[in-house]
Amino acid sequence: MHLSLQIVLIISSVLLVLLILLHRGRGGGLSSLFGGGVQSSLSGSSVVEKNLDRITVFVGAIWVIAIIGIGLLVKLGI
């Protein structure tokens, strides 16, 4: 159980870093490198940006659950 949570934590950490870097910042960031800066939308945020936000929140929740799970396993001594 401990090993599986550590693997989930490592994978979710890497995914979280990549997803955060793909978000469009004030200067464009890495998202403009992959073509995100070319597309402009009149409504403010595009469907792709909204989906990226949802995926980032989902991976962040998995990351928090893995952290809490590992913390509980260490505290209980399992």
PDB file of N, CA and C in Angstrom:
ATOM      1  N   MET A   1       0.827  -1.195   0.000  1.00  0.00           N
ATOM      2  CA  MET A   1       0.000   0.000   0.000  1.00  0.00           C
ATOM      3  C   MET A   1       0.873   1.261   0.000  1.00  0.00           C
ATOM      4  N   HIS A   2       1.903   1.236   0.826  1.00  0.00           N
ATOM      5  CA  HIS A   2       2.801   2.391   0.933  1.00  0.00           C
ATOM      6  C   HIS A   2       3.506   2.648  -0.398  1.00  0.00           C
ATOM      7  N   LEU A   3       3.956   1.574  -1.043  1.00  0.00           N
ATOM      8  CA  LEU A   3       4.654   1.701  -2.328  1.00  0.00           C
ATOM      9  C   LEU A   3       3.721   2.230  -3.413  1.00  0.00           C
ATOM     10  N   SER A   4       2.496   1.745  -3.431  1.00  0.00           N
ATOM     11  CA  SER A   4       1.550   2.208  -4.446  1.00  0.00           C
ATOM     12  C   SER A   4       1.210   3.688  -4.257  1.00  0.00           C
ATOM     13  N   LEU A   5       1.080   4.130  -3.017  1.00  0.00           N
ATOM     14  CA  LEU A   5       0.819   5.549  -2.770  1.00  0.00           C
ATOM     15  C   LEU A   5       2.013   6.416  -3.157  1.00  0.00           C
ATOM     16  N   GLN A   6       3.213   5.902  -2.938  1.00  0.00           N
ATOM     17  CA  GLN A   6       4.398   6.656  -3.345  1.00  0.00           C
ATOM     18  C   GLN A   6       4.483   6.773  -4.864  1.00  0.00           C
ATOM     19  N   ILE A   7       4.134   5.713  -5.574  1.00  0.00           N
ATOM     20  CA  ILE A   7       4.136   5.759  -7.039  1.00  0.00           C
ATOM     21  C   ILE A   7       3.088   6.742  -7.538  1.00  0.00           C
ATOM     22  N   VAL A   8       1.891   6.705  -6.944  1.00  0.00           N
ATOM     23  CA  VAL A   8       0.830   7.648  -7.318  1.00  0.00           C
ATOM     24  C   VAL A   8       1.281   9.079  -7.034  1.00  0.00           C
ATOM     25  N   LEU A   9       1.966   9.292  -5.918  1.00  0.00           N
ATOM     26  CA  LEU A   9       2.437  10.625  -5.556  1.00  0.00           C
ATOM     27  C   LEU A   9       3.471  11.136  -6.556  1.00  0.00           C
ATOM     28  N   ILE A  10       4.396  10.294  -6.958  1.00  0.00           N
ATOM     29  CA  ILE A  10       5.428  10.708  -7.918  1.00  0.00           C
ATOM     30  C   ILE A  10       4.803  11.043  -9.267  1.00  0.00           C
ATOM     31  N   ILE A  11       3.917  10.178  -9.748  1.00  0.00           N
ATOM     32  CA  ILE A  11       3.288  10.408 -11.056  1.00  0.00           C
ATOM     33  C   ILE A  11       2.421  11.666 -11.019  1.00  0.00           C
ATOM     34  N   SER A  12       1.637  11.826  -9.953  1.00  0.00           N
ATOM     35  CA  SER A  12       0.776  13.007  -9.876  1.00  0.00           C
ATOM     36  C   SER A  12       1.590  14.286  -9.700  1.00  0.00           C
ATOM     37  N   SER A  13       2.734  14.210  -9.022  1.00  0.00           N
ATOM     38  CA  SER A  13       3.590  15.389  -8.874  1.00  0.00           C
ATOM     39  C   SER A  13       4.131  15.853 -10.216  1.00  0.00           C
ATOM     40  N   VAL A  14       4.618  14.911 -11.019  1.00  0.00           N
ATOM     41  CA  VAL A  14       5.154  15.252 -12.332  1.00  0.00           C
ATOM     42  C   VAL A  14       4.042  15.803 -13.229  1.00  0.00           C
ATOM     43  N   LEU A  15       2.876  15.158 -13.209  1.00  0.00           N
ATOM     44  CA  LEU A  15       1.751  15.633 -14.017  1.00  0.00           C
ATOM     45  C   LEU A  15       1.294  17.021 -13.581  1.00  0.00           C
ATOM     46  N   LEU A  16       1.292  17.264 -12.285  1.00  0.00           N
ATOM     47  CA  LEU A  16       0.864  18.559 -11.776  1.00  0.00           C
ATOM     48  C   LEU A  16       1.810  19.670 -12.221  1.00  0.00           C
ATOM     49  N   VAL A  17       3.097  19.409 -12.172  1.00  0.00           N
ATOM     50  CA  VAL A  17       4.067  20.401 -12.634  1.00  0.00           C
ATOM     51  C   VAL A  17       3.868  20.694 -14.113  1.00  0.00           C
ATOM     52  N   LEU A  18       3.707  19.647 -14.922  1.00  0.00           N
ATOM     53  CA  LEU A  18       3.518  19.842 -16.361  1.00  0.00           C
ATOM     54  C   LEU A  18       2.223  20.588 -16.665  1.00  0.00           C
ATOM     55  N   LEU A  19       1.151  20.231 -15.977  1.00  0.00           N
ATOM     56  CA  LEU A  19      -0.129  20.902 -16.215  1.00  0.00           C
ATOM     57  C   LEU A  19      -0.090  22.370 -15.809  1.00  0.00           C
ATOM     58  N   ILE A  20       0.570  22.678 -14.721  1.00  0.00           N
ATOM     59  CA  ILE A  20       0.677  24.072 -14.293  1.00  0.00           C
ATOM     60  C   ILE A  20       1.512  24.869 -15.280  1.00  0.00           C
ATOM     61  N   LEU A  21       2.562  24.256 -15.808  1.00  0.00           N
ATOM     62  CA  LEU A  21       3.382  24.961 -16.788  1.00  0.00           C
ATOM     63  C   LEU A  21       2.649  25.193 -18.108  1.00  0.00           C
ATOM     64  N   LEU A  22       1.655  24.373 -18.417  1.00  0.00           N
ATOM     65  CA  LEU A  22       0.903  24.543 -19.652  1.00  0.00           C
ATOM     66  C   LEU A  22      -0.138  25.659 -19.578  1.00  0.00           C
ATOM     67  N   HIS A  23      -0.468  26.116 -18.373  1.00  0.00           N
ATOM     68  CA  HIS A  23      -1.433  27.197 -18.242  1.00  0.00           C
ATOM     69  C   HIS A  23      -0.878  28.480 -18.850  1.00  0.00           C
ATOM     70  N   ARG A  24      -1.776  29.269 -19.402  1.00  0.00           N
ATOM     71  CA  ARG A  24      -1.369  30.521 -20.013  1.00  0.00           C
ATOM     72  C   ARG A  24      -1.243  31.575 -18.926  1.00  0.00           C
ATOM     73  N   GLY A  25      -0.082  32.116 -18.812  1.00  0.00           N
ATOM     74  CA  GLY A  25       0.142  33.184 -17.854  1.00  0.00           C
ATOM     75  C   GLY A  25       0.037  34.527 -18.537  1.00  0.00           C
ATOM     76  N   ARG A  26       0.543  35.530 -17.896  1.00  0.00           N
ATOM     77  CA  ARG A  26       0.492  36.871 -18.487  1.00  0.00           C
ATOM     78  C   ARG A  26       1.393  36.967 -19.706  1.00  0.00           C
ATOM     79  N   GLY A  27       2.517  36.263 -19.687  1.00  0.00           N
ATOM     80  CA  GLY A  27       3.446  36.333 -20.800  1.00  0.00           C
ATOM     81  C   GLY A  27       3.274  35.211 -21.803  1.00  0.00           C
ATOM     82  N   GLY A  28       2.328  34.322 -21.589  1.00  0.00           N
ATOM     83  CA  GLY A  28       2.115  33.215 -22.510  1.00  0.00           C
ATOM     84  C   GLY A  28       2.630  31.909 -21.954  1.00  0.00           C
ATOM     85  N   GLY A  29       3.805  31.904 -21.360  1.00  0.00           N
ATOM     86  CA  GLY A  29       4.360  30.691 -20.762  1.00  0.00           C
ATOM     87  C   GLY A  29       4.628  29.602 -21.772  1.00  0.00           C
ATOM     88  N   LEU A  30       4.658  28.388 -21.304  1.00  0.00           N
ATOM     89  CA  LEU A  30       4.919  27.259 -22.182  1.00  0.00           C
ATOM     90  C   LEU A  30       3.736  26.940 -23.074  1.00  0.00           C
ATOM     91  N   SER A  31       2.544  27.401 -22.701  1.00  0.00           N
ATOM     92  CA  SER A  31       1.380  27.108 -23.530  1.00  0.00           C
ATOM     93  C   SER A  31       1.486  27.776 -24.894  1.00  0.00           C
ATOM     94  N   SER A  32       2.120  28.933 -24.951  1.00  0.00           N
ATOM     95  CA  SER A  32       2.287  29.599 -26.245  1.00  0.00           C
ATOM     96  C   SER A  32       3.320  28.881 -27.101  1.00  0.00           C
ATOM     97  N   LEU A  33       4.221  28.151 -26.471  1.00  0.00           N
ATOM     98  CA  LEU A  33       5.208  27.379 -27.220  1.00  0.00           C
ATOM     99  C   LEU A  33       4.545  26.267 -28.014  1.00  0.00           C
ATOM    100  N   PHE A  34       3.459  25.705 -27.498  1.00  0.00           N
ATOM    101  CA  PHE A  34       2.757  24.614 -28.158  1.00  0.00           C
ATOM    102  C   PHE A  34       1.540  25.091 -28.954  1.00  0.00           C
ATOM    103  N   GLY A  35       1.452  26.371 -29.249  1.00  0.00           N
ATOM    104  CA  GLY A  35       0.376  26.879 -30.078  1.00  0.00           C
ATOM    105  C   GLY A  35      -0.767  27.492 -29.314  1.00  0.00           C
ATOM    106  N   GLY A  36      -0.679  27.577 -28.012  1.00  0.00           N
ATOM    107  CA  GLY A  36      -1.764  28.162 -27.233  1.00  0.00           C
ATOM    108  C   GLY A  36      -1.838  29.666 -27.361  1.00  0.00           C
ATOM    109  N   GLY A  37      -0.732  30.307 -27.714  1.00  0.00           N
ATOM    110  CA  GLY A  37      -0.715  31.752 -27.841  1.00  0.00           C
ATOM    111  C   GLY A  37      -1.295  32.235 -29.152  1.00  0.00           C
ATOM    112  N   VAL A  38      -1.414  31.375 -30.139  1.00  0.00           N
ATOM    113  CA  VAL A  38      -1.931  31.759 -31.442  1.00  0.00           C
ATOM    114  C   VAL A  38      -3.430  31.949 -31.385  1.00  0.00           C
ATOM    115  N   GLN A  39      -4.094  31.118 -30.608  1.00  0.00           N
ATOM    116  CA  GLN A  39      -5.553  31.146 -30.539  1.00  0.00           C
ATOM    117  C   GLN A  39      -6.003  32.194 -29.525  1.00  0.00           C
ATOM    118  N   SER A  40      -6.858  33.098 -29.966  1.00  0.00           N
ATOM    119  CA  SER A  40      -7.423  34.072 -29.038  1.00  0.00           C
ATOM    120  C   SER A  40      -8.930  33.904 -29.026  1.00  0.00           C
ATOM    121  N   SER A  41      -9.505  34.066 -27.893  1.00  0.00           N
ATOM    122  CA  SER A  41     -10.946  33.874 -27.773  1.00  0.00           C
ATOM    123  C   SER A  41     -11.576  35.163 -27.273  1.00  0.00           C
ATOM    124  N   LEU A  42     -12.764  35.456 -27.737  1.00  0.00           N
ATOM    125  CA  LEU A  42     -13.437  36.687 -27.364  1.00  0.00           C
ATOM    126  C   LEU A  42     -14.109  36.584 -26.003  1.00  0.00           C
ATOM    127  N   SER A  43     -14.416  35.371 -25.571  1.00  0.00           N
ATOM    128  CA  SER A  43     -15.141  35.204 -24.310  1.00  0.00           C
ATOM    129  C   SER A  43     -14.223  35.172 -23.099  1.00  0.00           C
ATOM    130  N   GLY A  44     -12.941  35.235 -23.276  1.00  0.00           N
ATOM    131  CA  GLY A  44     -12.030  35.253 -22.134  1.00  0.00           C
ATOM    132  C   GLY A  44     -11.215  33.993 -22.036  1.00  0.00           C
ATOM    133  N   SER A  45     -11.849  32.863 -21.806  1.00  0.00           N
ATOM    134  CA  SER A  45     -11.108  31.608 -21.716  1.00  0.00           C
ATOM    135  C   SER A  45     -11.745  30.580 -22.639  1.00  0.00           C
ATOM    136  N   SER A  46     -10.903  29.823 -23.285  1.00  0.00           N
ATOM    137  CA  SER A  46     -11.394  28.859 -24.266  1.00  0.00           C
ATOM    138  C   SER A  46     -11.776  27.544 -23.586  1.00  0.00           C
ATOM    139  N   VAL A  47     -12.344  26.656 -24.354  1.00  0.00           N
ATOM    140  CA  VAL A  47     -12.739  25.339 -23.854  1.00  0.00           C
ATOM    141  C   VAL A  47     -11.502  24.555 -23.437  1.00  0.00           C
ATOM    142  N   VAL A  48     -10.430  24.717 -24.184  1.00  0.00           N
ATOM    143  CA  VAL A  48      -9.187  24.009 -23.859  1.00  0.00           C
ATOM    144  C   VAL A  48      -8.656  24.467 -22.507  1.00  0.00           C
ATOM    145  N   GLU A  49      -8.707  25.756 -22.262  1.00  0.00           N
ATOM    146  CA  GLU A  49      -8.223  26.295 -20.984  1.00  0.00           C
ATOM    147  C   GLU A  49      -9.097  25.810 -19.818  1.00  0.00           C
ATOM    148  N   LYS A  50     -10.414  25.742 -20.043  1.00  0.00           N
ATOM    149  CA  LYS A  50     -11.304  25.249 -18.990  1.00  0.00           C
ATOM    150  C   LYS A  50     -11.037  23.775 -18.695  1.00  0.00           C
ATOM    151  N   ASN A  51     -10.827  22.983 -19.745  1.00  0.00           N
ATOM    152  CA  ASN A  51     -10.513  21.567 -19.539  1.00  0.00           C
ATOM    153  C   ASN A  51      -9.167  21.398 -18.851  1.00  0.00           C
ATOM    154  N   LEU A  52      -8.202  22.235 -19.200  1.00  0.00           N
ATOM    155  CA  LEU A  52      -6.904  22.186 -18.542  1.00  0.00           C
ATOM    156  C   LEU A  52      -7.036  22.523 -17.061  1.00  0.00           C
ATOM    157  N   ASP A  53      -7.902  23.481 -16.747  1.00  0.00           N
ATOM    158  CA  ASP A  53      -8.158  23.818 -15.342  1.00  0.00           C
ATOM    159  C   ASP A  53      -8.764  22.636 -14.594  1.00  0.00           C
ATOM    160  N   ARG A  54      -9.747  21.976 -15.213  1.00  0.00           N
ATOM    161  CA  ARG A  54     -10.397  20.829 -14.567  1.00  0.00           C
ATOM    162  C   ARG A  54      -9.416  19.682 -14.339  1.00  0.00           C
ATOM    163  N   ILE A  55      -8.604  19.397 -15.337  1.00  0.00           N
ATOM    164  CA  ILE A  55      -7.629  18.303 -15.202  1.00  0.00           C
ATOM    165  C   ILE A  55      -6.610  18.642 -14.125  1.00  0.00           C
ATOM    166  N   THR A  56      -6.190  19.910 -14.055  1.00  0.00           N
ATOM    167  CA  THR A  56      -5.222  20.321 -13.036  1.00  0.00           C
ATOM    168  C   THR A  56      -5.811  20.174 -11.635  1.00  0.00           C
ATOM    169  N   VAL A  57      -7.062  20.553 -11.454  1.00  0.00           N
ATOM    170  CA  VAL A  57      -7.710  20.417 -10.141  1.00  0.00           C
ATOM    171  C   VAL A  57      -7.852  18.940  -9.780  1.00  0.00           C
ATOM    172  N   PHE A  58      -8.207  18.096 -10.752  1.00  0.00           N
ATOM    173  CA  PHE A  58      -8.357  16.661 -10.505  1.00  0.00           C
ATOM    174  C   PHE A  58      -7.024  16.028 -10.096  1.00  0.00           C
ATOM    175  N   VAL A  59      -5.963  16.341 -10.819  1.00  0.00           N
ATOM    176  CA  VAL A  59      -4.643  15.789 -10.486  1.00  0.00           C
ATOM    177  C   VAL A  59      -4.169  16.348  -9.142  1.00  0.00           C
ATOM    178  N   GLY A  60      -4.486  17.607  -8.867  1.00  0.00           N
ATOM    179  CA  GLY A  60      -4.139  18.183  -7.563  1.00  0.00           C
ATOM    180  C   GLY A  60      -4.856  17.484  -6.421  1.00  0.00           C
ATOM    181  N   ALA A  61      -6.106  17.106  -6.635  1.00  0.00           N
ATOM    182  CA  ALA A  61      -6.852  16.379  -5.599  1.00  0.00           C
ATOM    183  C   ALA A  61      -6.252  14.994  -5.368  1.00  0.00           C
ATOM    184  N   ILE A  62      -5.855  14.326  -6.445  1.00  0.00           N
ATOM    185  CA  ILE A  62      -5.191  13.020  -6.304  1.00  0.00           C
ATOM    186  C   ILE A  62      -3.884  13.175  -5.542  1.00  0.00           C
ATOM    187  N   TRP A  63      -3.152  14.249  -5.820  1.00  0.00           N
ATOM    188  CA  TRP A  63      -1.885  14.518  -5.140  1.00  0.00           C
ATOM    189  C   TRP A  63      -2.111  14.712  -3.636  1.00  0.00           C
ATOM    190  N   VAL A  64      -3.139  15.495  -3.273  1.00  0.00           N
ATOM    191  CA  VAL A  64      -3.440  15.742  -1.858  1.00  0.00           C
ATOM    192  C   VAL A  64      -3.870  14.453  -1.162  1.00  0.00           C
ATOM    193  N   ILE A  65      -4.677  13.636  -1.827  1.00  0.00           N
ATOM    194  CA  ILE A  65      -5.123  12.365  -1.242  1.00  0.00           C
ATOM    195  C   ILE A  65      -3.935  11.438  -1.019  1.00  0.00           C
ATOM    196  N   ALA A  66      -2.996  11.415  -1.972  1.00  0.00           N
ATOM    197  CA  ALA A  66      -1.803  10.572  -1.816  1.00  0.00           C
ATOM    198  C   ALA A  66      -0.942  11.062  -0.651  1.00  0.00           C
ATOM    199  N   ILE A  67      -0.803  12.370  -0.506  1.00  0.00           N
ATOM    200  CA  ILE A  67      -0.030  12.939   0.612  1.00  0.00           C
ATOM    201  C   ILE A  67      -0.664  12.562   1.948  1.00  0.00           C
ATOM    202  N   ILE A  68      -1.984  12.724   2.047  1.00  0.00           N
ATOM    203  CA  ILE A  68      -2.679  12.402   3.296  1.00  0.00           C
ATOM    204  C   ILE A  68      -2.580  10.905   3.583  1.00  0.00           C
ATOM    205  N   GLY A  69      -2.725  10.074   2.551  1.00  0.00           N
ATOM    206  CA  GLY A  69      -2.617   8.626   2.735  1.00  0.00           C
ATOM    207  C   GLY A  69      -1.247   8.199   3.233  1.00  0.00           C
ATOM    208  N   ILE A  70      -0.202   8.748   2.641  1.00  0.00           N
ATOM    209  CA  ILE A  70       1.162   8.417   3.089  1.00  0.00           C
ATOM    210  C   ILE A  70       1.385   8.911   4.509  1.00  0.00           C
ATOM    211  N   GLY A  71       0.870  10.110   4.814  1.00  0.00           N
ATOM    212  CA  GLY A  71       1.003  10.635   6.171  1.00  0.00           C
ATOM    213  C   GLY A  71       0.319   9.762   7.204  1.00  0.00           C
ATOM    214  N   LEU A  72      -0.877   9.271   6.856  1.00  0.00           N
ATOM    215  CA  LEU A  72      -1.586   8.389   7.789  1.00  0.00           C
ATOM    216  C   LEU A  72      -0.865   7.056   7.960  1.00  0.00           C
ATOM    217  N   LEU A  73      -0.326   6.523   6.867  1.00  0.00           N
ATOM    218  CA  LEU A  73       0.397   5.250   6.970  1.00  0.00           C
ATOM    219  C   LEU A  73       1.656   5.399   7.820  1.00  0.00           C
ATOM    220  N   VAL A  74       2.352   6.518   7.676  1.00  0.00           N
ATOM    221  CA  VAL A  74       3.551   6.745   8.479  1.00  0.00           C
ATOM    222  C   VAL A  74       3.178   6.940   9.950  1.00  0.00           C
ATOM    223  N   LYS A  75       2.107   7.691  10.199  1.00  0.00           N
ATOM    224  CA  LYS A  75       1.694   7.955  11.576  1.00  0.00           C
ATOM    225  C   LYS A  75       1.230   6.675  12.274  1.00  0.00           C
ATOM    226  N   LEU A  76       0.517   5.833  11.551  1.00  0.00           N
ATOM    227  CA  LEU A  76       0.026   4.589  12.159  1.00  0.00           C
ATOM    228  C   LEU A  76       1.088   3.487  12.196  1.00  0.00           C
ATOM    229  N   GLY A  77       2.169   3.691  11.466  1.00  0.00           N
ATOM    230  CA  GLY A  77       3.253   2.722  11.476  1.00  0.00           C
ATOM    231  C   GLY A  77       2.991   1.495  10.631  1.00  0.00           C
ATOM    232  N   ILE A  78       2.172   1.627   9.627  1.00  0.00           N
ATOM    233  CA  ILE A  78       1.843   0.479   8.768  1.00  0.00           C
ATOM    234  C   ILE A  78       2.868   0.356   7.671  1.00  0.00           C
TER     235      ILE A  78
END
